[in-house]
């Protein structure tokens, strides 16, 4: 069994969408964590309470920030119970706090991850009852503390969630709607595309505006978590003044966007939603919203980036009809996109071929359970003719796959 050494700071883990691990690692390096190391869907680093606050506030591609409490053998009930019982839970809890245990992964000694979570719950309750003479309550909805259990074969990791709701929930728009793109994935797509706010940017299929709004947050150096609360604010050792200082420090980084960001959609309801969301996100001064068909492409400036998440034909729309849309996008890129670079997040290989242009780069990403390709198209004046995706040399796979 291993527990983090307190004198070296807490052992922390930021989780992310598969394919964004190296992007997240670079974000953490930018926050001073040169020791950050990538795993599958996670990046590990070390830090104190201020680092926890800072990561939750400022990481754009992380889904959660976890504090690792213990890792060790968990071949069956007894070893998992022992691992969980050695954690000093009395330091994590205050009397009257509720908790829940969330589980993921697969353990060779357990019928299900949910059953393993019950074992951890029993260990927590037993340890606190032995020390307090009373047991804490379990709350399935909105617990004060959320414990994460991750199983891998005959080993387990136990961690404390510092984020609460996923960090993709920025706090500027209602959740739900038809097949939304997670804000963390949108930010990752932009960062993979090399977007830093200095280039004009166009999303011609804006939907609810996620890509354009994330671009606005990047361009203005706005902290993505500035408009929300975090689970660590309910920790007994929470320091409100320290969190306030981190919020103030993040706010001081804000600047005016250097180049135009345009969000277009032909649906007037979508246009209204983008305007509303941009206002709530505090980037309405950076994002220009227009009602315009995606195929009537108009670049916002020289050297522009075009970034879009067209429908995949998996959860929305009809594949046959969408093929014509993708073909139209390719034609629009050729007619009106000279000098720009286009990036499309595509979840259907057949639709990707319909674009009819050769991608210079392909990156594997996951939009929920859907395996996608982020395709880069370099658009030149009168270039390349109509070439099928999948031609020799065009199908090069980037090393970002994890």
Protein backbone atom coordinates (compact mmCIF):
# COMPACT_ATOMS: atom_id res chain seq x y z
CA UNK A 1 0.00 0.00 0.00
CA UNK A 2 1.15 3.54 -0.76
CA UNK A 3 -0.05 6.82 0.67
CA UNK A 4 1.33 10.17 -0.50
CA UNK A 5 4.07 11.74 1.63
CA UNK A 6 2.66 14.98 3.09
CA UNK A 7 5.97 16.82 3.09
CA UNK A 8 6.11 16.53 -0.71
CA UNK A 9 2.62 17.95 -1.16
CA UNK A 10 -0.49 16.04 -2.05
CA UNK A 11 -0.52 13.59 -4.90
CA UNK A 12 -3.09 14.95 -7.34
CA UNK A 13 -4.66 13.66 -10.53
CA UNK A 14 -6.44 15.64 -13.23
CA UNK A 15 -8.73 13.54 -15.41
CA UNK A 16 -9.50 14.31 -19.05
CA UNK A 17 -11.02 13.03 -22.25
CA UNK A 18 -8.88 10.37 -23.90
CA UNK A 19 -6.64 12.00 -26.45
CA UNK A 20 -6.17 15.22 -24.49
CA UNK A 21 -3.63 13.94 -21.96
CA UNK A 22 -0.65 15.78 -23.43
CA UNK A 23 -2.64 18.98 -23.86
CA UNK A 24 -3.59 18.80 -20.18
CA UNK A 25 0.00 18.05 -19.21
CA UNK A 26 1.12 21.20 -21.03
CA UNK A 27 -1.55 23.19 -19.19
CA UNK A 28 -0.24 21.89 -15.86
CA UNK A 29 3.33 22.69 -16.87
CA UNK A 30 2.14 26.22 -17.54
CA UNK A 31 0.86 26.36 -13.96
CA UNK A 32 4.31 25.37 -12.68
CA UNK A 33 3.91 21.59 -12.43
CA UNK A 34 6.95 20.44 -14.38
CA UNK A 35 6.61 17.01 -12.76
CA UNK A 36 3.22 16.35 -14.43
CA UNK A 37 3.04 12.91 -16.05
CA UNK A 38 0.47 11.46 -18.43
CA UNK A 39 -1.51 8.26 -17.94
CA UNK A 40 -4.56 6.93 -19.74
CA UNK A 41 -7.15 9.69 -19.41
CA UNK A 42 -5.27 11.24 -16.47
CA UNK A 43 -2.31 13.48 -15.69
CA UNK A 44 -0.64 13.16 -12.30
CA UNK A 45 1.00 16.06 -10.46
CA UNK A 46 1.71 17.29 -6.94
CA UNK A 47 0.56 20.33 -5.06
CA UNK A 48 -0.99 21.90 -1.99
CA UNK A 49 -4.45 23.34 -1.39
CA UNK A 50 -3.63 26.43 -3.45
CA UNK A 51 -2.66 24.16 -6.35
CA UNK A 52 -6.02 22.39 -6.05
CA UNK A 53 -7.88 25.70 -6.22
CA UNK A 54 -5.72 26.92 -9.12
CA UNK A 55 -6.17 23.74 -11.15
CA UNK A 56 -9.94 23.79 -10.75
CA UNK A 57 -10.11 27.45 -11.71
CA UNK A 58 -7.73 27.55 -14.65
CA UNK A 59 -7.40 24.16 -16.35
CA UNK A 60 -9.36 24.17 -19.60
CA UNK A 61 -9.20 20.49 -20.55
CA UNK A 62 -9.47 18.75 -17.16
CA UNK A 63 -12.74 17.06 -16.19
CA UNK A 64 -11.94 16.65 -12.49
CA UNK A 65 -9.10 17.23 -10.05
CA UNK A 66 -8.66 14.42 -7.52
CA UNK A 67 -6.52 14.14 -4.40
CA UNK A 68 -5.08 10.63 -4.19
CA UNK A 69 -5.49 9.14 -0.71
CA UNK A 70 -4.24 5.57 -1.15
CA UNK A 71 -3.18 3.08 -3.79
CA UNK A 72 -2.48 -0.59 -3.27
CA UNK A 73 -3.47 -4.24 -3.64
CA UNK A 74 -7.18 -4.99 -3.90
CA UNK A 75 -7.48 -8.60 -5.00
CA UNK A 76 -10.67 -9.09 -3.00
CA UNK A 77 -12.91 -7.75 -0.28
CA UNK A 78 -10.44 -8.00 2.61
CA UNK A 79 -7.53 -6.27 0.89
CA UNK A 80 -9.73 -3.47 -0.46
CA UNK A 81 -11.34 -2.95 2.96
CA UNK A 82 -7.90 -2.80 4.58
CA UNK A 83 -6.69 -0.29 1.99
CA UNK A 84 -9.68 1.98 2.56
CA UNK A 85 -9.58 1.61 6.36
CA UNK A 86 -6.00 2.89 6.58
CA UNK A 87 -6.96 6.30 5.16
CA UNK A 88 -7.29 8.91 7.97
CA UNK A 89 -10.88 9.74 7.09
CA UNK A 90 -11.33 11.70 10.31
CA UNK A 91 -9.02 14.33 8.75
CA UNK A 92 -11.22 14.56 5.65
CA UNK A 93 -14.59 14.70 7.40
CA UNK A 94 -16.29 17.00 9.85
CA UNK A 95 -19.18 15.73 11.94
CA UNK A 96 -22.46 15.98 10.10
CA UNK A 97 -20.91 15.77 6.63
CA UNK A 98 -22.42 13.39 4.09
CA UNK A 99 -20.46 11.36 1.55
CA UNK A 100 -20.74 9.01 -1.40
CA UNK A 101 -18.36 6.59 -3.11
CA UNK A 102 -18.17 6.58 -6.90
CA UNK A 103 -16.44 3.66 -8.62
CA UNK A 104 -14.95 3.02 -12.04
CA UNK A 105 -12.75 0.47 -13.78
CA UNK A 106 -12.63 -3.30 -13.37
CA UNK A 107 -11.27 -5.32 -10.52
CA UNK A 108 -10.54 -9.00 -10.99
CA UNK A 109 -11.80 -9.85 -7.51
CA UNK A 110 -15.17 -8.08 -7.73
CA UNK A 111 -18.40 -8.86 -9.51
CA UNK A 112 -18.85 -5.15 -10.21
CA UNK A 113 -17.28 -1.80 -9.43
CA UNK A 114 -20.46 -0.88 -7.57
CA UNK A 115 -19.95 -3.79 -5.17
CA UNK A 116 -16.38 -2.64 -4.53
CA UNK A 117 -17.69 0.85 -3.76
CA UNK A 118 -19.86 -0.63 -0.99
CA UNK A 119 -16.76 -2.16 0.60
CA UNK A 120 -15.02 1.22 0.65
CA UNK A 121 -18.16 2.80 2.08
CA UNK A 122 -18.20 0.22 4.90
CA UNK A 123 -14.53 0.87 5.68
CA UNK A 124 -15.13 4.63 5.92
CA UNK A 125 -18.19 4.21 8.14
CA UNK A 126 -16.46 1.70 10.43
CA UNK A 127 -13.37 3.85 10.91
CA UNK A 128 -15.32 7.00 11.70
CA UNK A 129 -17.74 5.19 13.99
CA UNK A 130 -14.79 3.75 15.94
CA UNK A 131 -13.32 7.24 16.40
CA UNK A 132 -16.46 9.34 16.80
CA UNK A 133 -18.96 6.92 18.25
CA UNK A 134 -21.34 7.78 15.40
CA UNK A 135 -21.42 7.13 11.69
CA UNK A 136 -21.55 9.62 8.81
CA UNK A 137 -24.53 9.58 6.47
CA UNK A 138 -24.37 8.51 2.85
CA UNK A 139 -26.00 10.90 0.36
CA UNK A 140 -26.55 9.77 -3.21
CA UNK A 141 -27.37 13.30 -4.36
CA UNK A 142 -24.99 16.23 -3.72
CA UNK A 143 -22.82 14.67 -1.00
CA UNK A 144 -20.46 16.91 0.94
CA UNK A 145 -17.55 14.61 0.07
CA UNK A 146 -17.28 12.46 -3.04
CA UNK A 147 -14.80 9.59 -2.82
CA UNK A 148 -13.54 8.04 -6.06
CA UNK A 149 -12.55 4.37 -6.27
CA UNK A 150 -10.71 3.20 -9.38
CA UNK A 151 -10.08 -0.50 -9.95
CA UNK A 152 -7.41 -1.92 -12.24
CA UNK A 153 -7.01 -5.68 -12.09
CA UNK A 154 -5.88 -6.52 -8.56
CA UNK A 155 -5.09 -2.93 -7.58
CA UNK A 156 -7.17 0.04 -6.50
CA UNK A 157 -6.80 3.76 -6.07
CA UNK A 158 -8.87 5.83 -3.65
CA UNK A 159 -9.16 9.58 -4.13
CA UNK A 160 -11.13 12.59 -2.97
CA UNK A 161 -12.89 14.66 -5.62
CA UNK A 162 -12.10 18.37 -5.36
CA UNK A 163 -14.22 19.50 -8.31
CA UNK A 164 -17.79 18.36 -7.71
CA UNK A 165 -19.64 18.76 -10.98
CA UNK A 166 -17.35 18.02 -13.94
CA UNK A 167 -15.17 20.98 -14.83
CA UNK A 168 -16.80 20.99 -18.26
CA UNK A 169 -19.73 22.60 -16.43
CA UNK A 170 -18.37 26.12 -16.65
CA UNK A 171 -21.46 27.64 -15.07
CA UNK A 172 -22.53 29.88 -17.94
CA UNK A 173 -25.27 27.79 -19.57
CA UNK A 174 -27.96 25.27 -18.66
CA UNK A 175 -26.89 21.66 -19.04
CA UNK A 176 -28.46 19.30 -21.55
CA UNK A 177 -29.80 19.99 -25.03
CA UNK A 178 -29.23 17.93 -28.17
CA UNK A 179 -25.80 16.26 -28.22
CA UNK A 180 -23.76 19.15 -26.77
CA UNK A 181 -19.98 19.25 -27.14
CA UNK A 182 -18.26 19.23 -23.76
CA UNK A 183 -16.52 22.51 -23.04
CA UNK A 184 -13.34 20.68 -22.03
CA UNK A 185 -13.23 18.86 -25.38
CA UNK A 186 -13.92 22.09 -27.27
CA UNK A 187 -11.03 23.76 -25.44
CA UNK A 188 -8.81 20.78 -26.22
CA UNK A 189 -9.68 20.94 -29.91
CA UNK A 190 -8.78 24.63 -29.98
CA UNK A 191 -5.48 24.08 -28.17
CA UNK A 192 -4.59 21.18 -30.48
CA UNK A 193 -5.33 23.49 -33.40
CA UNK A 194 -2.75 25.91 -32.00
CA UNK A 195 -5.29 28.57 -31.10
CA UNK A 196 -3.97 31.18 -28.67
CA UNK A 197 -6.23 34.14 -29.43
CA UNK A 198 -3.87 35.83 -31.88
CA UNK A 199 -5.58 34.36 -34.98
CA UNK A 200 -9.03 35.19 -36.36
CA UNK A 201 -11.35 32.26 -35.65
CA UNK A 202 -14.59 31.07 -37.25
CA UNK A 203 -17.01 28.37 -36.14
CA UNK A 204 -19.52 28.24 -39.01
CA UNK A 205 -21.72 25.62 -37.27
CA UNK A 206 -21.86 27.14 -33.80
CA UNK A 207 -24.86 25.36 -32.28
CA UNK A 208 -24.93 26.60 -28.68
CA UNK A 209 -21.58 28.31 -29.20
CA UNK A 210 -19.30 26.05 -27.18
CA UNK A 211 -16.28 26.29 -29.49
CA UNK A 212 -16.56 30.06 -29.97
CA UNK A 213 -17.10 30.71 -26.26
CA UNK A 214 -14.13 28.54 -25.28
CA UNK A 215 -12.12 30.48 -27.87
CA UNK A 216 -13.29 33.68 -26.19
CA UNK A 217 -12.13 32.40 -22.81
CA UNK A 218 -8.73 31.48 -24.26
CA UNK A 219 -8.35 34.76 -26.16
CA UNK A 220 -9.18 36.86 -23.10
CA UNK A 221 -7.18 34.61 -20.74
CA UNK A 222 -10.31 34.13 -18.66
CA UNK A 223 -10.31 31.36 -16.06
CA UNK A 224 -12.85 28.74 -17.23
CA UNK A 225 -13.87 27.95 -13.64
CA UNK A 226 -14.39 31.54 -12.53
CA UNK A 227 -18.19 31.29 -12.58
CA UNK A 228 -18.68 28.17 -10.50
CA UNK A 229 -18.07 26.58 -7.11
CA UNK A 230 -16.05 23.45 -6.32
CA UNK A 231 -16.42 20.47 -4.00
CA UNK A 232 -13.21 21.40 -2.17
CA UNK A 233 -15.06 24.41 -0.76
CA UNK A 234 -16.84 21.92 1.52
CA UNK A 235 -13.63 20.32 2.77
CA UNK A 236 -12.96 20.92 6.50
CA UNK A 237 -9.59 22.47 5.61
CA UNK A 238 -11.04 24.83 3.00
CA UNK A 239 -9.48 28.30 3.21
CA UNK A 240 -11.88 30.89 1.72
CA UNK A 241 -9.25 33.63 1.72
CA UNK A 242 -6.81 31.43 -0.21
CA UNK A 243 -9.44 30.57 -2.82
CA UNK A 244 -10.37 34.25 -3.08
CA UNK A 245 -6.71 35.09 -3.70
CA UNK A 246 -6.53 32.49 -6.47
CA UNK A 247 -9.71 33.86 -8.04
CA UNK A 248 -8.30 37.40 -7.89
CA UNK A 249 -5.01 36.26 -9.40
CA UNK A 250 -6.82 34.55 -12.27
CA UNK A 251 -8.97 37.64 -12.87
CA UNK A 252 -5.88 39.85 -13.17
CA UNK A 253 -4.71 37.78 -16.16
CA UNK A 254 -7.72 38.79 -18.24
CA UNK A 255 -7.07 40.85 -21.38
CA UNK A 256 -8.95 42.06 -24.44
CA UNK A 257 -9.21 39.61 -27.34
CA UNK A 258 -6.59 40.42 -29.98
CA UNK A 259 -8.40 39.00 -33.04
CA UNK A 260 -12.02 38.45 -34.10
CA UNK A 261 -13.98 35.35 -33.09
CA UNK A 262 -17.07 34.67 -35.21
CA UNK A 263 -19.79 32.14 -34.40
CA UNK A 264 -22.22 31.47 -37.22
CA UNK A 265 -25.35 29.35 -37.47
CA UNK A 266 -28.32 29.40 -39.83
CA UNK A 267 -30.81 28.65 -37.03
CA UNK A 268 -32.08 31.85 -35.35
CA UNK A 269 -32.73 29.95 -32.11
CA UNK A 270 -29.09 28.80 -32.08
CA UNK A 271 -27.89 32.35 -32.75
CA UNK A 272 -29.93 33.60 -29.80
CA UNK A 273 -28.52 30.81 -27.59
CA UNK A 274 -24.93 31.67 -28.55
CA UNK A 275 -25.48 35.34 -27.74
CA UNK A 276 -27.04 34.44 -24.40
CA UNK A 277 -24.28 31.99 -23.50
CA UNK A 278 -21.50 34.37 -24.55
CA UNK A 279 -23.01 37.05 -22.33
CA UNK A 280 -23.24 34.67 -19.36
CA UNK A 281 -19.65 33.53 -19.96
CA UNK A 282 -18.42 37.13 -20.00
CA UNK A 283 -17.05 36.97 -23.55
CA UNK A 284 -19.84 38.74 -25.44
CA UNK A 285 -17.37 41.52 -26.23
CA UNK A 286 -15.02 38.98 -27.85
CA UNK A 287 -17.46 36.78 -29.80
CA UNK A 288 -19.35 38.09 -32.82
CA UNK A 289 -22.50 36.07 -33.55
CA UNK A 290 -24.02 35.97 -37.04
CA UNK A 291 -26.96 34.15 -38.60
CA UNK A 292 -25.40 32.55 -41.65
CA UNK A 293 -25.38 29.23 -43.46
CA UNK A 294 -22.15 27.30 -42.89
CA UNK A 295 -21.73 26.82 -46.64
CA UNK A 296 -21.76 30.59 -47.21
CA UNK A 297 -18.29 30.84 -45.73
CA UNK A 298 -16.79 34.25 -44.92
CA UNK A 299 -13.38 34.32 -43.26
CA UNK A 300 -13.00 36.78 -40.34
CA UNK A 301 -9.48 37.74 -41.40
CA UNK A 302 -6.24 36.55 -43.02
CA UNK A 303 -4.66 33.42 -41.61
CA UNK A 304 -7.94 32.43 -39.97
CA UNK A 305 -8.66 29.19 -38.18
CA UNK A 306 -11.93 27.46 -39.03
CA UNK A 307 -12.94 25.08 -36.23
CA UNK A 308 -16.19 23.13 -36.36
CA UNK A 309 -17.95 20.12 -34.88
CA UNK A 310 -20.41 19.07 -37.60
CA UNK A 311 -23.04 16.42 -36.79
CA UNK A 312 -21.78 12.83 -36.92
CA UNK A 313 -24.87 10.93 -37.97
CA UNK A 314 -24.55 8.83 -34.79
CA UNK A 315 -26.87 10.63 -32.41
CA UNK A 316 -28.25 13.35 -34.65
CA UNK A 317 -29.35 13.57 -38.26
CA UNK A 318 -29.33 11.17 -41.17
CA UNK A 319 -26.03 9.95 -42.59
CA UNK A 320 -27.11 10.21 -46.22
CA UNK A 321 -28.26 13.81 -45.80
CA UNK A 322 -25.15 14.67 -43.80
CA UNK A 323 -22.89 13.40 -46.57
CA UNK A 324 -24.14 16.25 -48.74
CA UNK A 325 -23.45 18.69 -45.91
CA UNK A 326 -19.85 17.50 -45.56
CA UNK A 327 -19.38 17.65 -49.32
CA UNK A 328 -20.70 21.20 -49.24
CA UNK A 329 -18.27 22.11 -46.47
CA UNK A 330 -15.39 20.85 -48.57
CA UNK A 331 -16.59 22.89 -51.55
CA UNK A 332 -16.96 25.99 -49.36
CA UNK A 333 -13.44 25.51 -48.02
CA UNK A 334 -12.10 25.37 -51.57
CA UNK A 335 -14.06 28.38 -52.81
CA UNK A 336 -13.80 30.73 -49.86
CA UNK A 337 -11.14 29.40 -47.49
CA UNK A 338 -7.88 30.26 -49.23
CA UNK A 339 -5.19 31.04 -46.67
CA UNK A 340 -7.10 29.53 -43.76
CA UNK A 341 -6.61 26.32 -41.81
CA UNK A 342 -9.71 24.25 -41.10
CA UNK A 343 -10.13 21.75 -38.27
CA UNK A 344 -13.14 19.43 -38.19
CA UNK A 345 -14.03 17.08 -35.33
CA UNK A 346 -15.58 14.13 -37.16
CA UNK A 347 -17.15 11.05 -35.60
CA UNK A 348 -17.96 9.17 -38.80
CA UNK A 349 -15.18 8.11 -41.22
CA UNK A 350 -17.55 7.94 -44.19
CA UNK A 351 -18.64 11.51 -43.62
CA UNK A 352 -15.01 12.59 -43.32
CA UNK A 353 -14.36 11.21 -46.80
CA UNK A 354 -17.25 13.26 -48.15
CA UNK A 355 -15.33 16.48 -47.42
CA UNK A 356 -13.25 15.58 -50.46
CA UNK A 357 -10.05 17.22 -49.24
CA UNK A 358 -6.91 15.57 -47.97
CA UNK A 359 -6.24 16.15 -44.26
CA UNK A 360 -2.67 17.01 -43.34
CA UNK A 361 -3.18 15.78 -39.79
CA UNK A 362 -5.47 13.37 -37.96
CA UNK A 363 -5.79 13.18 -34.18
CA UNK A 364 -7.85 10.59 -32.33
CA UNK A 365 -10.18 12.04 -29.69
CA UNK A 366 -13.23 10.74 -27.86
CA UNK A 367 -16.48 12.70 -27.66
CA UNK A 368 -18.07 10.67 -24.88
CA UNK A 369 -18.08 7.08 -26.17
CA UNK A 370 -17.68 8.15 -29.81
CA UNK A 371 -14.22 7.73 -31.29
CA UNK A 372 -13.58 10.81 -33.41
CA UNK A 373 -10.90 12.23 -35.67
CA UNK A 374 -9.81 15.83 -35.47
CA UNK A 375 -8.85 16.57 -39.08
CA UNK A 376 -6.69 19.45 -40.23
CA UNK A 377 -7.11 20.86 -43.74
CA UNK A 378 -4.58 23.37 -45.08
CA UNK A 379 -6.49 25.52 -47.56
CA UNK A 380 -4.59 27.02 -50.49
CA UNK A 381 -5.67 29.10 -53.45
CA UNK A 382 -7.03 26.70 -56.08
CA UNK A 383 -5.39 23.80 -54.28
CA UNK A 384 -5.28 20.05 -54.56
CA UNK A 385 -8.48 19.40 -56.42
CA UNK A 386 -10.98 17.00 -55.01
CA UNK A 387 -9.04 14.21 -53.25
CA UNK A 388 -10.60 11.51 -51.15
CA UNK A 389 -9.73 11.24 -47.49
CA UNK A 390 -7.77 8.04 -47.19
CA UNK A 391 -5.52 8.67 -50.21
CA UNK A 392 -1.89 7.65 -49.91
CA UNK A 393 -0.16 9.78 -47.33
CA UNK A 394 -3.36 11.47 -46.24
CA UNK A 395 -4.29 9.00 -43.57
CA UNK A 396 -1.28 9.72 -41.39
CA UNK A 397 -2.17 9.10 -37.76
CA UNK A 398 -0.75 11.45 -35.17
CA UNK A 399 0.89 10.20 -32.01
CA UNK A 400 -1.72 11.84 -29.76
CA UNK A 401 -3.70 8.62 -29.66
CA UNK A 402 -3.75 7.13 -26.17
